[in-house]
C-alpha atoms as a PDB file:
ATOM      1  CA  MET A   1      73.190 239.065 118.642  1.00  0.00           C
ATOM      2  CA  SER A   2      70.741 237.631 121.169  1.00  0.00           C
ATOM      3  CA  GLY A   3      67.820 239.904 120.239  1.00  0.00           C
ATOM      4  CA  LYS A   4      67.382 241.431 123.699  1.00  0.00           C
ATOM      5  CA  SER A   5      66.279 244.838 122.361  1.00  0.00           C
ATOM      6  CA  THR A   6      63.654 243.160 120.170  1.00  0.00           C
ATOM      7  CA  LEU A   7      62.510 241.243 123.239  1.00  0.00           C
ATOM      8  CA  LEU A   8      62.359 244.397 125.361  1.00  0.00           C
ATOM      9  CA  ASN A   9      60.223 246.226 122.783  1.00  0.00           C
ATOM     10  CA  ALA A  10      57.861 243.247 122.605  1.00  0.00           C
ATOM     11  CA  LEU A  11      57.484 243.110 126.392  1.00  0.00           C
ATOM     12  CA  ILE A  12      56.959 246.861 126.759  1.00  0.00           C
ATOM     13  CA  GLY A  13      54.541 246.973 123.824  1.00  0.00           C
ATOM     14  CA  GLU A  14      56.277 250.083 122.496  1.00  0.00           C
ATOM     15  CA  LYS A  15      59.478 250.679 120.549  1.00  0.00           C
ATOM     16  CA  ILE A  16      61.937 252.064 123.098  1.00  0.00           C
ATOM     17  CA  ALA A  17      65.168 250.339 121.995  1.00  0.00           C
ATOM     18  CA  ILE A  18      66.634 250.515 118.507  1.00  0.00           C
ATOM     19  CA  ILE A  19      67.015 247.298 116.563  1.00  0.00           C
ATOM     20  CA  ALA A  20      69.610 246.355 113.972  1.00  0.00           C
ATOM     21  CA  ASN A  21      71.134 243.115 112.776  1.00  0.00           C
ATOM     22  CA  LYS A  22      74.530 244.143 114.148  1.00  0.00           C
ATOM     23  CA  PRO A  23      76.292 243.522 117.480  1.00  0.00           C
ATOM     24  CA  GLN A  24      76.697 246.208 120.191  1.00  0.00           C
ATOM     25  CA  THR A  25      73.681 248.185 119.001  1.00  0.00           C
ATOM     26  CA  THR A  26      72.714 249.341 122.512  1.00  0.00           C
ATOM     27  CA  ARG A  27      75.204 251.878 123.901  1.00  0.00           C
ATOM     28  CA  THR A  28      73.683 252.906 127.204  1.00  0.00           C
ATOM     29  CA  GLN A  29      71.038 251.894 129.722  1.00  0.00           C
ATOM     30  CA  ILE A  30      67.427 252.149 128.541  1.00  0.00           C
ATOM     31  CA  LYS A  31      64.538 251.872 130.969  1.00  0.00           C
ATOM     32  CA  GLY A  32      61.153 250.412 130.017  1.00  0.00           C
ATOM     33  CA  ILE A  33      58.069 250.176 132.217  1.00  0.00           C
ATOM     34  CA  VAL A  34      55.213 247.661 131.999  1.00  0.00           C
ATOM     35  CA  ASN A  35      52.077 248.378 134.052  1.00  0.00           C
ATOM     36  CA  ARG A  36      49.950 245.297 134.754  1.00  0.00           C
ATOM     37  CA  GLU A  37      46.857 244.731 136.861  1.00  0.00           C
ATOM     38  CA  LYS A  38      48.841 243.688 139.934  1.00  0.00           C
ATOM     39  CA  SER A  39      52.349 244.907 139.199  1.00  0.00           C
ATOM     40  CA  GLN A  40      54.664 247.468 137.684  1.00  0.00           C
ATOM     41  CA  ILE A  41      57.731 245.882 136.109  1.00  0.00           C
ATOM     42  CA  ILE A  42      60.735 248.075 135.292  1.00  0.00           C
ATOM     43  CA  PHE A  43      63.167 246.723 132.713  1.00  0.00           C
ATOM     44  CA  LEU A  44      66.734 247.899 132.140  1.00  0.00           C
ATOM     45  CA  ASP A  45      68.147 247.233 128.679  1.00  0.00           C
ATOM     46  CA  THR A  46      71.940 247.396 128.793  1.00  0.00           C
ATOM     47  CA  PRO A  47      74.782 247.215 126.279  1.00  0.00           C
ATOM     48  CA  GLY A  48      75.887 243.726 125.307  1.00  0.00           C
ATOM     49  CA  ILE A  49      79.074 242.239 126.713  1.00  0.00           C
ATOM     50  CA  HIS A  50      82.038 242.392 124.328  1.00  0.00           C
ATOM     51  CA  LYS A  51      85.808 242.883 124.333  1.00  0.00           C
ATOM     52  CA  PRO A  52      86.435 246.611 124.907  1.00  0.00           C
ATOM     53  CA  LYS A  53      88.693 248.422 122.437  1.00  0.00           C
ATOM     54  CA  THR A  54      87.901 252.090 123.167  1.00  0.00           C
ATOM     55  CA  LYS A  55      86.822 254.323 126.054  1.00  0.00           C
ATOM     56  CA  LEU A  56      83.267 254.054 124.741  1.00  0.00           C
ATOM     57  CA  SER A  57      83.477 250.243 124.829  1.00  0.00           C
ATOM     58  CA  ASN A  58      84.726 250.351 128.416  1.00  0.00           C
ATOM     59  CA  ILE A  59      81.852 252.610 129.466  1.00  0.00           C
ATOM     60  CA  MET A  60      79.371 250.276 127.740  1.00  0.00           C
ATOM     61  CA  ILE A  61      80.735 247.300 129.692  1.00  0.00           C
ATOM     62  CA  GLN A  62      80.668 249.270 132.967  1.00  0.00           C
ATOM     63  CA  THR A  63      77.080 250.312 132.260  1.00  0.00           C
ATOM     64  CA  ALA A  64      76.001 246.713 131.704  1.00  0.00           C
ATOM     65  CA  PHE A  65      77.529 245.476 134.954  1.00  0.00           C
ATOM     66  CA  ASN A  66      76.625 248.539 137.062  1.00  0.00           C
ATOM     67  CA  SER A  67      72.999 248.266 135.956  1.00  0.00           C
ATOM     68  CA  ALA A  68      72.804 244.753 137.391  1.00  0.00           C
ATOM     69  CA  LYS A  69      73.851 245.784 140.914  1.00  0.00           C
ATOM     70  CA  ASP A  70      70.455 246.921 142.183  1.00  0.00           C
ATOM     71  CA  VAL A  71      68.050 244.825 140.103  1.00  0.00           C
ATOM     72  CA  ASP A  72      65.782 242.225 141.695  1.00  0.00           C
ATOM     73  CA  LEU A  73      65.843 239.857 138.727  1.00  0.00           C
ATOM     74  CA  VAL A  74      68.165 239.222 135.781  1.00  0.00           C
ATOM     75  CA  LEU A  75      66.884 238.141 132.369  1.00  0.00           C
ATOM     76  CA  PHE A  76      69.830 236.281 130.862  1.00  0.00           C
ATOM     77  CA  VAL A  77      69.117 236.251 127.112  1.00  0.00           C
ATOM     78  CA  ILE A  78      71.050 233.798 124.941  1.00  0.00           C
ATOM     79  CA  GLU A  79      70.735 232.605 121.354  1.00  0.00           C
ATOM     80  CA  ALA A  80      69.112 229.210 120.795  1.00  0.00           C
ATOM     81  CA  ASN A  81      71.624 228.293 118.099  1.00  0.00           C
ATOM     82  CA  SER A  82      74.509 228.403 120.600  1.00  0.00           C
ATOM     83  CA  LYS A  83      76.102 224.955 120.744  1.00  0.00           C
ATOM     84  CA  ASN A  84      77.741 225.620 124.076  1.00  0.00           C
ATOM     85  CA  ILE A  85      78.471 228.451 126.514  1.00  0.00           C
ATOM     86  CA  GLY A  86      80.557 230.954 124.562  1.00  0.00           C
ATOM     87  CA  PRO A  87      83.141 233.287 126.160  1.00  0.00           C
ATOM     88  CA  GLY A  88      80.748 236.266 126.301  1.00  0.00           C
ATOM     89  CA  ASP A  89      77.923 234.231 127.846  1.00  0.00           C
ATOM     90  CA  ARG A  90      80.398 232.600 130.226  1.00  0.00           C
ATOM     91  CA  LEU A  91      81.509 236.027 131.458  1.00  0.00           C
ATOM     92  CA  ILE A  92      77.888 237.046 132.127  1.00  0.00           C
ATOM     93  CA  LEU A  93      77.092 233.703 133.761  1.00  0.00           C
ATOM     94  CA  ASP A  94      80.088 234.022 136.089  1.00  0.00           C
ATOM     95  CA  LYS A  95      78.914 237.517 137.095  1.00  0.00           C
ATOM     96  CA  ILE A  96      75.437 236.122 137.815  1.00  0.00           C
ATOM     97  CA  LYS A  97      76.962 233.349 139.933  1.00  0.00           C
ATOM     98  CA  ASP A  98      79.016 235.882 141.905  1.00  0.00           C
ATOM     99  CA  SER A  99      75.964 238.093 142.484  1.00  0.00           C
ATOM    100  CA  LYS A 100      73.639 235.188 143.355  1.00  0.00           C
ATOM    101  CA  LYS A 101      70.838 237.199 141.725  1.00  0.00           C
ATOM    102  CA  LYS A 102      67.507 235.645 140.861  1.00  0.00           C
ATOM    103  CA  THR A 103      67.798 234.894 137.161  1.00  0.00           C
ATOM    104  CA  ILE A 104      65.507 233.738 134.375  1.00  0.00           C
ATOM    105  CA  LEU A 105      67.242 232.128 131.411  1.00  0.00           C
ATOM    106  CA  VAL A 106      65.648 233.325 128.174  1.00  0.00           C
ATOM    107  CA  ILE A 107      66.567 231.254 125.129  1.00  0.00           C
ATOM    108  CA  ASN A 108      65.697 233.355 122.090  1.00  0.00           C
ATOM    109  CA  LYS A 109      65.265 232.388 118.418  1.00  0.00           C
ATOM    110  CA  ILE A 110      64.057 228.839 119.118  1.00  0.00           C
ATOM    111  CA  ASP A 111      62.492 228.825 115.649  1.00  0.00           C
ATOM    112  CA  LEU A 112      66.029 228.388 114.263  1.00  0.00           C
ATOM    113  CA  ILE A 113      66.778 225.019 115.925  1.00  0.00           C
ATOM    114  CA  LYS A 114      65.376 221.534 116.470  1.00  0.00           C
ATOM    115  CA  LYS A 115      63.771 220.470 119.760  1.00  0.00           C
ATOM    116  CA  GLU A 116      66.639 218.083 120.594  1.00  0.00           C
ATOM    117  CA  GLU A 117      69.170 220.913 120.288  1.00  0.00           C
ATOM    118  CA  LEU A 118      67.047 223.113 122.555  1.00  0.00           C
ATOM    119  CA  LEU A 119      66.811 220.422 125.230  1.00  0.00           C
ATOM    120  CA  LYS A 120      70.579 219.918 125.121  1.00  0.00           C
ATOM    121  CA  LEU A 121      71.176 223.664 125.547  1.00  0.00           C
ATOM    122  CA  ILE A 122      68.761 223.820 128.495  1.00  0.00           C
ATOM    123  CA  GLU A 123      70.613 220.908 130.114  1.00  0.00           C
ATOM    124  CA  ILE A 124      74.006 222.620 129.665  1.00  0.00           C
ATOM    125  CA  TYR A 125      72.875 225.873 131.294  1.00  0.00           C
ATOM    126  CA  SER A 126      70.751 224.252 134.019  1.00  0.00           C
ATOM    127  CA  LYS A 127      73.851 222.464 135.326  1.00  0.00           C
ATOM    128  CA  GLU A 128      75.542 225.851 135.751  1.00  0.00           C
ATOM    129  CA  TYR A 129      72.954 227.771 137.776  1.00  0.00           C
ATOM    130  CA  ASP A 130      69.651 227.394 139.594  1.00  0.00           C
ATOM    131  CA  PHE A 131      67.477 229.568 137.345  1.00  0.00           C
ATOM    132  CA  GLU A 132      64.057 230.755 138.520  1.00  0.00           C
ATOM    133  CA  ALA A 133      62.709 229.649 135.148  1.00  0.00           C
ATOM    134  CA  VAL A 134      63.875 228.757 131.660  1.00  0.00           C
ATOM    135  CA  LEU A 135      61.893 230.424 128.884  1.00  0.00           C
ATOM    136  CA  PRO A 136      62.414 229.255 125.285  1.00  0.00           C
ATOM    137  CA  ILE A 137      60.985 232.007 123.057  1.00  0.00           C
ATOM    138  CA  SER A 138      60.979 233.676 119.686  1.00  0.00           C
ATOM    139  CA  ALA A 139      60.993 237.443 120.262  1.00  0.00           C
ATOM    140  CA  THR A 140      59.361 238.035 116.886  1.00  0.00           C
ATOM    141  CA  SER A 141      56.304 235.912 117.811  1.00  0.00           C
ATOM    142  CA  LEU A 142      56.312 236.309 121.557  1.00  0.00           C
ATOM    143  CA  GLU A 143      53.756 235.014 124.053  1.00  0.00           C
ATOM    144  CA  ARG A 144      54.084 238.284 125.974  1.00  0.00           C
ATOM    145  CA  ASP A 145      51.842 237.499 128.940  1.00  0.00           C
ATOM    146  CA  LYS A 146      53.524 234.140 129.499  1.00  0.00           C
ATOM    147  CA  VAL A 147      56.920 235.819 129.870  1.00  0.00           C
ATOM    148  CA  LEU A 148      55.552 238.653 132.027  1.00  0.00           C
ATOM    149  CA  ASP A 149      53.787 236.141 134.277  1.00  0.00           C
ATOM    150  CA  GLU A 150      57.077 234.333 134.933  1.00  0.00           C
ATOM    151  CA  ILE A 151      58.852 237.614 135.649  1.00  0.00           C
ATOM    152  CA  GLU A 152      56.065 238.754 137.970  1.00  0.00           C
ATOM    153  CA  LYS A 153      56.224 235.496 139.926  1.00  0.00           C
ATOM    154  CA  ALA A 154      59.962 235.932 140.532  1.00  0.00           C
ATOM    155  CA  LEU A 155      59.745 239.527 141.796  1.00  0.00           C
ATOM    156  CA  ASP A 156      59.303 240.679 145.385  1.00  0.00           C
ATOM    157  CA  TYR A 157      56.738 243.283 146.431  1.00  0.00           C
ATOM    158  CA  GLY A 158      57.898 246.884 146.242  1.00  0.00           C
ATOM    159  CA  PRO A 159      56.742 250.464 145.669  1.00  0.00           C
ATOM    160  CA  LYS A 160      55.293 251.808 142.433  1.00  0.00           C
ATOM    161  CA  TYR A 161      57.774 254.247 140.889  1.00  0.00           C
ATOM    162  CA  TYR A 162      55.978 255.498 137.752  1.00  0.00           C
ATOM    163  CA  ASP A 163      52.459 256.496 136.760  1.00  0.00           C
ATOM    164  CA  ASP A 164      50.442 254.200 134.503  1.00  0.00           C
ATOM    165  CA  GLU A 165      51.082 256.252 131.348  1.00  0.00           C
ATOM    166  CA  THR A 166      54.892 256.084 131.551  1.00  0.00           C
ATOM    167  CA  TYR A 167      56.620 253.360 129.536  1.00  0.00           C
ATOM    168  CA  THR A 168      60.211 254.687 129.284  1.00  0.00           C
ATOM    169  CA  ASP A 169      62.570 257.168 130.912  1.00  0.00           C
ATOM    170  CA  GLN A 170      63.968 258.326 127.577  1.00  0.00           C
ATOM    171  CA  THR A 171      63.656 261.986 126.637  1.00  0.00           C
ATOM    172  CA  VAL A 172      62.501 263.143 123.192  1.00  0.00           C
ATOM    173  CA  LYS A 173      66.119 264.103 122.457  1.00  0.00           C
ATOM    174  CA  MET A 174      67.354 260.605 123.237  1.00  0.00           C
ATOM    175  CA  ILE A 175      64.593 258.999 121.166  1.00  0.00           C
ATOM    176  CA  VAL A 176      65.440 261.189 118.172  1.00  0.00           C
ATOM    177  CA  GLU A 177      69.184 260.511 118.399  1.00  0.00           C
ATOM    178  CA  GLU A 178      68.703 256.765 118.692  1.00  0.00           C
ATOM    179  CA  THR A 179      66.125 256.600 115.886  1.00  0.00           C
ATOM    180  CA  ILE A 180      68.494 258.359 113.473  1.00  0.00           C
ATOM    181  CA  ARG A 181      71.346 256.070 114.548  1.00  0.00           C
ATOM    182  CA  GLU A 182      69.147 253.022 113.991  1.00  0.00           C
ATOM    183  CA  LYS A 183      68.638 254.042 110.364  1.00  0.00           C
ATOM    184  CA  THR A 184      72.396 254.406 109.845  1.00  0.00           C
ATOM    185  CA  LEU A 185      72.864 250.902 111.277  1.00  0.00           C
ATOM    186  CA  LYS A 186      70.315 249.483 108.859  1.00  0.00           C
ATOM    187  CA  LEU A 187      71.241 251.428 105.731  1.00  0.00           C
ATOM    188  CA  LEU A 188      75.045 251.662 105.788  1.00  0.00           C
ATOM    189  CA  ASP A 189      77.937 249.239 105.275  1.00  0.00           C
ATOM    190  CA  ASP A 190      79.082 247.266 108.323  1.00  0.00           C
ATOM    191  CA  GLU A 191      82.283 249.258 108.917  1.00  0.00           C
ATOM    192  CA  VAL A 192      80.574 252.669 109.092  1.00  0.00           C
ATOM    193  CA  PRO A 193      77.678 252.623 111.630  1.00  0.00           C
ATOM    194  CA  HIS A 194      79.650 251.742 114.777  1.00  0.00           C
ATOM    195  CA  GLY A 195      81.839 254.780 114.161  1.00  0.00           C
ATOM    196  CA  ILE A 196      78.789 257.045 114.258  1.00  0.00           C
ATOM    197  CA  TYR A 197      77.091 259.050 116.947  1.00  0.00           C
ATOM    198  CA  VAL A 198      74.190 261.481 116.595  1.00  0.00           C
ATOM    199  CA  GLU A 199      73.827 264.819 118.342  1.00  0.00           C
ATOM    200  CA  ILE A 200      70.674 266.908 118.342  1.00  0.00           C
ATOM    201  CA  GLU A 201      71.392 270.584 117.715  1.00  0.00           C
ATOM    202  CA  LYS A 202      67.802 271.792 118.008  1.00  0.00           C
ATOM    203  CA  ILE A 203      64.344 270.546 118.948  1.00  0.00           C
ATOM    204  CA  LYS A 204      61.547 273.051 118.815  1.00  0.00           C
ATOM    205  CA  LYS A 205      57.820 272.427 118.754  1.00  0.00           C
ATOM    206  CA  SER A 206      55.717 274.824 116.712  1.00  0.00           C
ATOM    207  CA  LYS A 207      52.555 274.989 114.580  1.00  0.00           C
ATOM    208  CA  THR A 208      52.129 274.402 110.853  1.00  0.00           C
ATOM    209  CA  MET A 209      50.096 276.717 108.609  1.00  0.00           C
ATOM    210  CA  GLU A 210      47.211 274.298 109.220  1.00  0.00           C
ATOM    211  CA  ASN A 211      47.647 274.890 112.990  1.00  0.00           C
ATOM    212  CA  LYS A 212      48.939 271.355 113.606  1.00  0.00           C
ATOM    213  CA  SER A 213      51.793 270.625 116.029  1.00  0.00           C
ATOM    214  CA  ILE A 214      55.183 269.869 114.472  1.00  0.00           C
ATOM    215  CA  PHE A 215      58.645 269.088 115.841  1.00  0.00           C
ATOM    216  CA  ASN A 216      61.408 271.009 114.052  1.00  0.00           C
ATOM    217  CA  ILE A 217      64.580 269.007 114.587  1.00  0.00           C
ATOM    218  CA  GLU A 218      68.163 269.600 113.488  1.00  0.00           C
ATOM    219  CA  ALA A 219      70.685 266.786 113.963  1.00  0.00           C
ATOM    220  CA  THR A 220      74.348 266.172 113.199  1.00  0.00           C
ATOM    221  CA  ILE A 221      75.648 262.696 112.376  1.00  0.00           C
ATOM    222  CA  TYR A 222      79.306 262.429 113.409  1.00  0.00           C
ATOM    223  CA  CYS A 223      81.614 259.836 111.869  1.00  0.00           C
ATOM    224  CA  GLN A 224      85.307 259.042 112.232  1.00  0.00           C
ATOM    225  CA  ARG A 225      86.624 259.363 108.670  1.00  0.00           C
ATOM    226  CA  GLU A 226      86.208 261.575 105.613  1.00  0.00           C
ATOM    227  CA  SER A 227      85.600 258.446 103.519  1.00  0.00           C
ATOM    228  CA  HIS A 228      82.739 257.486 105.850  1.00  0.00           C
ATOM    229  CA  LYS A 229      81.244 260.955 105.497  1.00  0.00           C
ATOM    230  CA  GLY A 230      80.979 260.425 101.747  1.00  0.00           C
ATOM    231  CA  ILE A 231      79.305 257.038 102.248  1.00  0.00           C
ATOM    232  CA  ILE A 232      76.757 258.482 104.697  1.00  0.00           C
ATOM    233  CA  ILE A 233      75.885 261.355 102.354  1.00  0.00           C
ATOM    234  CA  GLY A 234      75.849 259.157  99.254  1.00  0.00           C
ATOM    235  CA  LYS A 235      75.694 260.122  95.616  1.00  0.00           C
ATOM    236  CA  ASN A 236      73.854 263.452  95.261  1.00  0.00           C
ATOM    237  CA  GLY A 237      72.978 263.222  98.969  1.00  0.00           C
ATOM    238  CA  ASN A 238      70.663 260.269  98.359  1.00  0.00           C
ATOM    239  CA  LYS A 239      71.814 258.089 101.282  1.00  0.00           C
ATOM    240  CA  LEU A 240      71.518 260.905 103.842  1.00  0.00           C
ATOM    241  CA  LYS A 241      68.093 261.758 102.439  1.00  0.00           C
ATOM    242  CA  GLN A 242      67.042 258.112 102.829  1.00  0.00           C
ATOM    243  CA  ILE A 243      68.290 258.011 106.448  1.00  0.00           C
ATOM    244  CA  GLY A 244      66.396 261.225 107.204  1.00  0.00           C
ATOM    245  CA  THR A 245      63.186 260.049 105.543  1.00  0.00           C
ATOM    246  CA  TYR A 246      63.098 256.710 107.368  1.00  0.00           C
ATOM    247  CA  ALA A 247      63.959 258.380 110.695  1.00  0.00           C
ATOM    248  CA  ARG A 248      61.246 261.010 110.224  1.00  0.00           C
ATOM    249  CA  GLU A 249      58.607 258.384 109.404  1.00  0.00           C
ATOM    250  CA  ASP A 250      59.489 256.414 112.560  1.00  0.00           C
ATOM    251  CA  LEU A 251      59.613 259.516 114.755  1.00  0.00           C
ATOM    252  CA  GLU A 252      56.160 260.644 113.624  1.00  0.00           C
ATOM    253  CA  LYS A 253      54.787 257.273 114.754  1.00  0.00           C
ATOM    254  CA  ILE A 254      56.649 257.358 118.079  1.00  0.00           C
ATOM    255  CA  LEU A 255      55.986 261.014 118.937  1.00  0.00           C
ATOM    256  CA  GLY A 256      52.480 261.156 117.475  1.00  0.00           C
ATOM    257  CA  GLU A 257      53.276 264.504 115.811  1.00  0.00           C
ATOM    258  CA  LYS A 258      54.515 265.757 112.454  1.00  0.00           C
ATOM    259  CA  VAL A 259      58.309 266.032 112.231  1.00  0.00           C
ATOM    260  CA  ASN A 260      60.507 268.319 110.134  1.00  0.00           C
ATOM    261  CA  LEU A 261      63.991 266.765 110.276  1.00  0.00           C
ATOM    262  CA  LYS A 262      67.213 268.281 108.941  1.00  0.00           C
ATOM    263  CA  THR A 263      70.491 266.346 109.134  1.00  0.00           C
ATOM    264  CA  TRP A 264      74.159 267.160 108.582  1.00  0.00           C
ATOM    265  CA  VAL A 265      77.301 264.981 108.579  1.00  0.00           C
ATOM    266  CA  LYS A 266      80.608 265.962 110.218  1.00  0.00           C
ATOM    267  CA  VAL A 267      83.890 264.155 110.905  1.00  0.00           C
ATOM    268  CA  SER A 268      85.095 263.722 114.489  1.00  0.00           C
ATOM    269  CA  LYS A 269      88.170 261.483 114.479  1.00  0.00           C
ATOM    270  CA  ASP A 270      88.619 259.099 117.403  1.00  0.00           C
ATOM    271  CA  TRP A 271      85.483 260.412 119.138  1.00  0.00           C
ATOM    272  CA  GLN A 272      85.067 257.021 120.876  1.00  0.00           C
ATOM    273  CA  ASP A 273      88.134 257.888 122.995  1.00  0.00           C
ATOM    274  CA  LYS A 274      87.230 261.515 123.725  1.00  0.00           C
ATOM    275  CA  ASP A 275      86.048 261.986 127.318  1.00  0.00           C
ATOM    276  CA  GLN A 276      83.745 264.926 126.571  1.00  0.00           C
ATOM    277  CA  ILE A 277      81.797 262.783 124.095  1.00  0.00           C
ATOM    278  CA  VAL A 278      81.770 259.304 125.646  1.00  0.00           C
ATOM    279  CA  LYS A 279      80.694 260.629 129.054  1.00  0.00           C
ATOM    280  CA  LYS A 280      77.191 261.157 127.634  1.00  0.00           C
ATOM    281  CA  PHE A 281      76.859 257.369 127.454  1.00  0.00           C
ATOM    282  CA  LYS A 282      77.842 256.861 131.108  1.00  0.00           C
ATOM    283  CA  ILE A 283      75.266 256.264 133.836  1.00  0.00           C
ATOM    284  CA  ASP A 284      75.798 257.036 137.508  1.00  0.00           C
ATOM    285  CA  ASP A 285      77.185 254.165 139.564  1.00  0.00           C
END
């Protein structure tokens, strides 16, 4: 868990990617935009590299590699407490070598190791590839401008694609689905969350009795087993209520409006191998 989504949120200055202390949290490509005085930097957050076991896993891997085809610069994020180049990082490094892309090595979580260990890790990776820069960081206490300056230096001139107010390409629907899923990742047992996907049934903006704007949202949380459904709902519905409350509080901050959120739980066995479901996570090649 390299912390790339935490890093992306810190660089964008807004929460656009969900965060959980679990692997394979990101399922599809997320775009974030940073507007600076002399540049516009567009970031693509992709799923992490892992051994695929389902159709969803395969699509996640394809998304990660397809996203890298047209980028001008790769941020290769690794964990500082790595003792050597692990199989997952080796796979990514080999892809970078094949592509010959400009790459910045970002070593995250340096607060967890000693300086000597960091220097050894830098030496190991520097022998493998000619990186544009090596940035040891802690995403939770990030020197944002320092990182953005290094990225800006490595980029070529190009057109401006977005207006200054845009910081992500995500729709409200996507933000709502991912925010609810984030709460399941944080609040449920390890075996349950990765078998979950969220589908929005309804989003409608209206006015309260006080004439204030409010989003009325209805969402279904799908899981793979009946036993998981019971865990998600919890005793007397308490766990589902907790998920909904935390998601609503976050959404009101993100959307800047009041939110009325209703959630249901349904079972959809083997949904990770069903084409009509997993295709929603696929991006165009």
